[in-house]
Amino acid sequence: MTEHQITSEDQLRALLGDPIHPLVVAKSTAILTPSIKKYIEMSPFAALATHAPDGSSDVSPRGDPPGWVHIKDEKKP
């Protein structure tokens, strides 16, 4: 399974190329900014993805009225 994993930005860029527009790069950030946090926290829908040690993955829809998501740390993994 590992031959299909992308584990670095260099591998992703080799596959997809560079961003097409400078705004794609300009909006990148190492933390969740206040406006990004507000957008996430007010969203009525999210997709929760999990990844198991055996390489399997699952994505489940989640949702409730806005306000159900609470961000505990602004740092992205």
N, C-alpha and C. Protein backbone atom coordinates (compact mmCIF):
# COMPACT_ATOMS: atom_id res chain seq x y z
N MET A 1 0.81 -1.21 0.00
CA MET A 1 0.00 0.00 0.00
C MET A 1 0.85 1.27 0.00
N THR A 2 2.04 1.24 0.55
CA THR A 2 2.83 2.47 0.69
C THR A 2 3.27 3.05 -0.64
N GLU A 3 3.28 2.26 -1.73
CA GLU A 3 3.69 2.83 -3.01
C GLU A 3 2.69 3.86 -3.53
N HIS A 4 1.48 3.90 -2.95
CA HIS A 4 0.46 4.86 -3.37
C HIS A 4 0.33 6.04 -2.39
N GLN A 5 1.19 6.11 -1.41
CA GLN A 5 1.10 7.19 -0.43
C GLN A 5 1.97 8.37 -0.85
N ILE A 6 1.44 9.55 -0.65
CA ILE A 6 2.20 10.78 -0.84
C ILE A 6 2.58 11.26 0.55
N THR A 7 3.88 11.30 0.82
CA THR A 7 4.34 11.61 2.18
C THR A 7 5.12 12.92 2.25
N SER A 8 5.22 13.65 1.15
CA SER A 8 5.93 14.93 1.19
C SER A 8 5.32 15.89 0.18
N GLU A 9 5.57 17.16 0.39
CA GLU A 9 5.09 18.15 -0.56
C GLU A 9 5.78 17.97 -1.91
N ASP A 10 7.06 17.57 -1.91
CA ASP A 10 7.76 17.34 -3.17
C ASP A 10 7.07 16.26 -4.02
N GLN A 11 6.62 15.18 -3.37
CA GLN A 11 5.89 14.13 -4.10
C GLN A 11 4.57 14.66 -4.66
N LEU A 12 3.88 15.47 -3.87
CA LEU A 12 2.61 16.05 -4.31
C LEU A 12 2.84 16.98 -5.50
N ARG A 13 3.87 17.83 -5.41
CA ARG A 13 4.17 18.76 -6.50
C ARG A 13 4.56 18.00 -7.77
N ALA A 14 5.30 16.89 -7.63
CA ALA A 14 5.67 16.09 -8.79
C ALA A 14 4.43 15.53 -9.48
N LEU A 15 3.41 15.22 -8.70
CA LEU A 15 2.18 14.66 -9.24
C LEU A 15 1.24 15.73 -9.80
N LEU A 16 1.05 16.82 -9.04
CA LEU A 16 0.06 17.83 -9.40
C LEU A 16 0.62 19.11 -9.99
N GLY A 17 1.92 19.35 -9.80
CA GLY A 17 2.51 20.60 -10.26
C GLY A 17 2.35 21.69 -9.21
N ASP A 18 2.79 22.87 -9.58
CA ASP A 18 2.71 24.01 -8.66
C ASP A 18 1.32 24.63 -8.71
N PRO A 19 0.97 25.40 -7.63
CA PRO A 19 -0.32 26.09 -7.65
C PRO A 19 -0.44 26.99 -8.88
N ILE A 20 -1.63 27.06 -9.43
CA ILE A 20 -1.85 27.83 -10.66
C ILE A 20 -1.85 29.33 -10.40
N HIS A 21 -2.39 29.74 -9.30
CA HIS A 21 -2.57 31.17 -9.03
C HIS A 21 -1.83 31.57 -7.75
N PRO A 22 -1.20 32.75 -7.71
CA PRO A 22 -0.48 33.20 -6.51
C PRO A 22 -1.36 33.28 -5.26
N LEU A 23 -2.67 33.49 -5.41
CA LEU A 23 -3.54 33.57 -4.25
C LEU A 23 -3.62 32.23 -3.51
N VAL A 24 -3.42 31.14 -4.23
CA VAL A 24 -3.42 29.82 -3.59
C VAL A 24 -2.28 29.76 -2.58
N VAL A 25 -1.12 30.28 -2.95
CA VAL A 25 0.04 30.29 -2.07
C VAL A 25 -0.15 31.34 -0.97
N ALA A 26 -0.67 32.50 -1.32
CA ALA A 26 -0.82 33.60 -0.36
C ALA A 26 -1.76 33.26 0.79
N LYS A 27 -2.75 32.42 0.55
CA LYS A 27 -3.70 32.10 1.61
C LYS A 27 -3.25 30.93 2.48
N SER A 28 -2.10 30.32 2.17
CA SER A 28 -1.57 29.23 2.99
C SER A 28 -1.04 29.79 4.30
N THR A 29 -1.27 29.06 5.38
CA THR A 29 -0.84 29.51 6.69
C THR A 29 -0.52 28.30 7.57
N ALA A 30 0.41 28.46 8.49
CA ALA A 30 0.80 27.36 9.38
C ALA A 30 -0.15 27.21 10.56
N ILE A 31 -1.01 28.20 10.76
CA ILE A 31 -1.98 28.14 11.87
C ILE A 31 -3.38 28.43 11.34
N LEU A 32 -4.36 28.10 12.12
CA LEU A 32 -5.74 28.47 11.80
C LEU A 32 -5.94 29.91 12.27
N THR A 33 -6.10 30.82 11.33
CA THR A 33 -6.29 32.23 11.65
C THR A 33 -7.69 32.43 12.25
N PRO A 34 -7.92 33.58 12.88
CA PRO A 34 -9.25 33.83 13.45
C PRO A 34 -10.38 33.70 12.42
N SER A 35 -10.17 34.18 11.20
CA SER A 35 -11.24 34.08 10.20
C SER A 35 -11.45 32.63 9.75
N ILE A 36 -10.38 31.84 9.65
CA ILE A 36 -10.52 30.43 9.30
C ILE A 36 -11.23 29.68 10.42
N LYS A 37 -10.85 29.96 11.68
CA LYS A 37 -11.50 29.31 12.82
C LYS A 37 -12.99 29.63 12.84
N LYS A 38 -13.35 30.89 12.59
CA LYS A 38 -14.76 31.27 12.59
C LYS A 38 -15.52 30.52 11.49
N TYR A 39 -14.92 30.41 10.32
CA TYR A 39 -15.53 29.69 9.20
C TYR A 39 -15.79 28.23 9.58
N ILE A 40 -14.79 27.58 10.18
CA ILE A 40 -14.92 26.17 10.58
C ILE A 40 -15.98 26.03 11.67
N GLU A 41 -15.91 26.89 12.67
CA GLU A 41 -16.83 26.78 13.81
C GLU A 41 -18.28 27.05 13.41
N MET A 42 -18.51 27.82 12.36
CA MET A 42 -19.88 28.13 11.94
C MET A 42 -20.39 27.16 10.87
N SER A 43 -19.55 26.22 10.47
CA SER A 43 -19.96 25.27 9.43
C SER A 43 -20.93 24.24 9.99
N PRO A 44 -22.02 23.94 9.26
CA PRO A 44 -22.95 22.92 9.72
C PRO A 44 -22.53 21.50 9.29
N PHE A 45 -21.43 21.41 8.53
CA PHE A 45 -21.02 20.11 8.00
C PHE A 45 -19.50 19.97 8.03
N ALA A 46 -19.04 18.76 8.30
CA ALA A 46 -17.62 18.43 8.22
C ALA A 46 -17.49 16.97 7.83
N ALA A 47 -16.36 16.61 7.31
CA ALA A 47 -16.07 15.21 6.99
C ALA A 47 -14.92 14.78 7.90
N LEU A 48 -15.15 13.78 8.71
CA LEU A 48 -14.15 13.26 9.65
C LEU A 48 -13.44 12.09 8.99
N ALA A 49 -12.13 12.23 8.80
CA ALA A 49 -11.34 11.17 8.16
C ALA A 49 -10.42 10.52 9.19
N THR A 50 -10.35 9.20 9.13
CA THR A 50 -9.43 8.46 10.00
C THR A 50 -8.57 7.56 9.13
N HIS A 51 -7.40 7.26 9.64
CA HIS A 51 -6.44 6.45 8.91
C HIS A 51 -5.88 5.40 9.86
N ALA A 52 -5.96 4.14 9.50
CA ALA A 52 -5.52 3.04 10.36
C ALA A 52 -4.08 2.63 10.03
N PRO A 53 -3.41 2.00 10.98
CA PRO A 53 -2.03 1.56 10.74
C PRO A 53 -1.89 0.63 9.53
N ASP A 54 -2.93 -0.09 9.17
CA ASP A 54 -2.84 -1.01 8.02
C ASP A 54 -3.00 -0.29 6.68
N GLY A 55 -3.17 1.04 6.73
CA GLY A 55 -3.29 1.83 5.51
C GLY A 55 -4.71 2.09 5.08
N SER A 56 -5.68 1.48 5.73
CA SER A 56 -7.07 1.73 5.36
C SER A 56 -7.51 3.09 5.89
N SER A 57 -8.48 3.67 5.22
CA SER A 57 -9.01 4.98 5.60
C SER A 57 -10.53 4.95 5.58
N ASP A 58 -11.13 5.90 6.29
CA ASP A 58 -12.57 6.03 6.32
C ASP A 58 -12.91 7.50 6.45
N VAL A 59 -13.93 7.94 5.76
CA VAL A 59 -14.42 9.32 5.87
C VAL A 59 -15.90 9.26 6.19
N SER A 60 -16.29 9.95 7.27
CA SER A 60 -17.68 9.95 7.71
C SER A 60 -18.21 11.37 7.76
N PRO A 61 -19.40 11.60 7.23
CA PRO A 61 -20.00 12.94 7.34
C PRO A 61 -20.48 13.20 8.76
N ARG A 62 -20.30 14.42 9.19
CA ARG A 62 -20.77 14.85 10.52
C ARG A 62 -21.42 16.22 10.36
N GLY A 63 -22.37 16.51 11.21
CA GLY A 63 -22.97 17.82 11.13
C GLY A 63 -24.02 18.06 12.19
N ASP A 64 -24.31 19.30 12.38
CA ASP A 64 -25.30 19.78 13.33
C ASP A 64 -25.44 21.27 13.08
N PRO A 65 -26.34 21.94 13.76
CA PRO A 65 -26.42 23.38 13.54
C PRO A 65 -25.08 24.07 13.82
N PRO A 66 -24.81 25.20 13.15
CA PRO A 66 -23.55 25.91 13.37
C PRO A 66 -23.26 26.09 14.86
N GLY A 67 -22.00 25.91 15.21
CA GLY A 67 -21.58 26.02 16.60
C GLY A 67 -21.21 24.68 17.22
N TRP A 68 -21.41 23.58 16.50
CA TRP A 68 -21.12 22.25 17.05
C TRP A 68 -19.64 21.93 17.04
N VAL A 69 -18.85 22.61 16.19
CA VAL A 69 -17.40 22.37 16.12
C VAL A 69 -16.69 23.32 17.07
N HIS A 70 -15.76 22.78 17.86
CA HIS A 70 -14.94 23.58 18.76
C HIS A 70 -13.47 23.29 18.49
N ILE A 71 -12.71 24.32 18.18
CA ILE A 71 -11.28 24.18 17.88
C ILE A 71 -10.50 24.35 19.17
N LYS A 72 -9.68 23.36 19.51
CA LYS A 72 -8.92 23.42 20.74
C LYS A 72 -7.50 23.97 20.54
N ASP A 73 -6.99 23.91 19.32
CA ASP A 73 -5.62 24.34 19.04
C ASP A 73 -5.57 24.90 17.63
N GLU A 74 -5.01 26.09 17.47
CA GLU A 74 -4.99 26.71 16.16
C GLU A 74 -3.90 26.19 15.24
N LYS A 75 -3.04 25.33 15.77
CA LYS A 75 -1.94 24.79 14.95
C LYS A 75 -2.45 23.64 14.10
N LYS A 76 -2.04 23.64 12.84
CA LYS A 76 -2.38 22.53 11.95
C LYS A 76 -1.40 21.39 12.23
N PRO A 77 -1.84 20.15 12.04
CA PRO A 77 -0.92 19.04 12.29
C PRO A 77 0.25 19.02 11.33
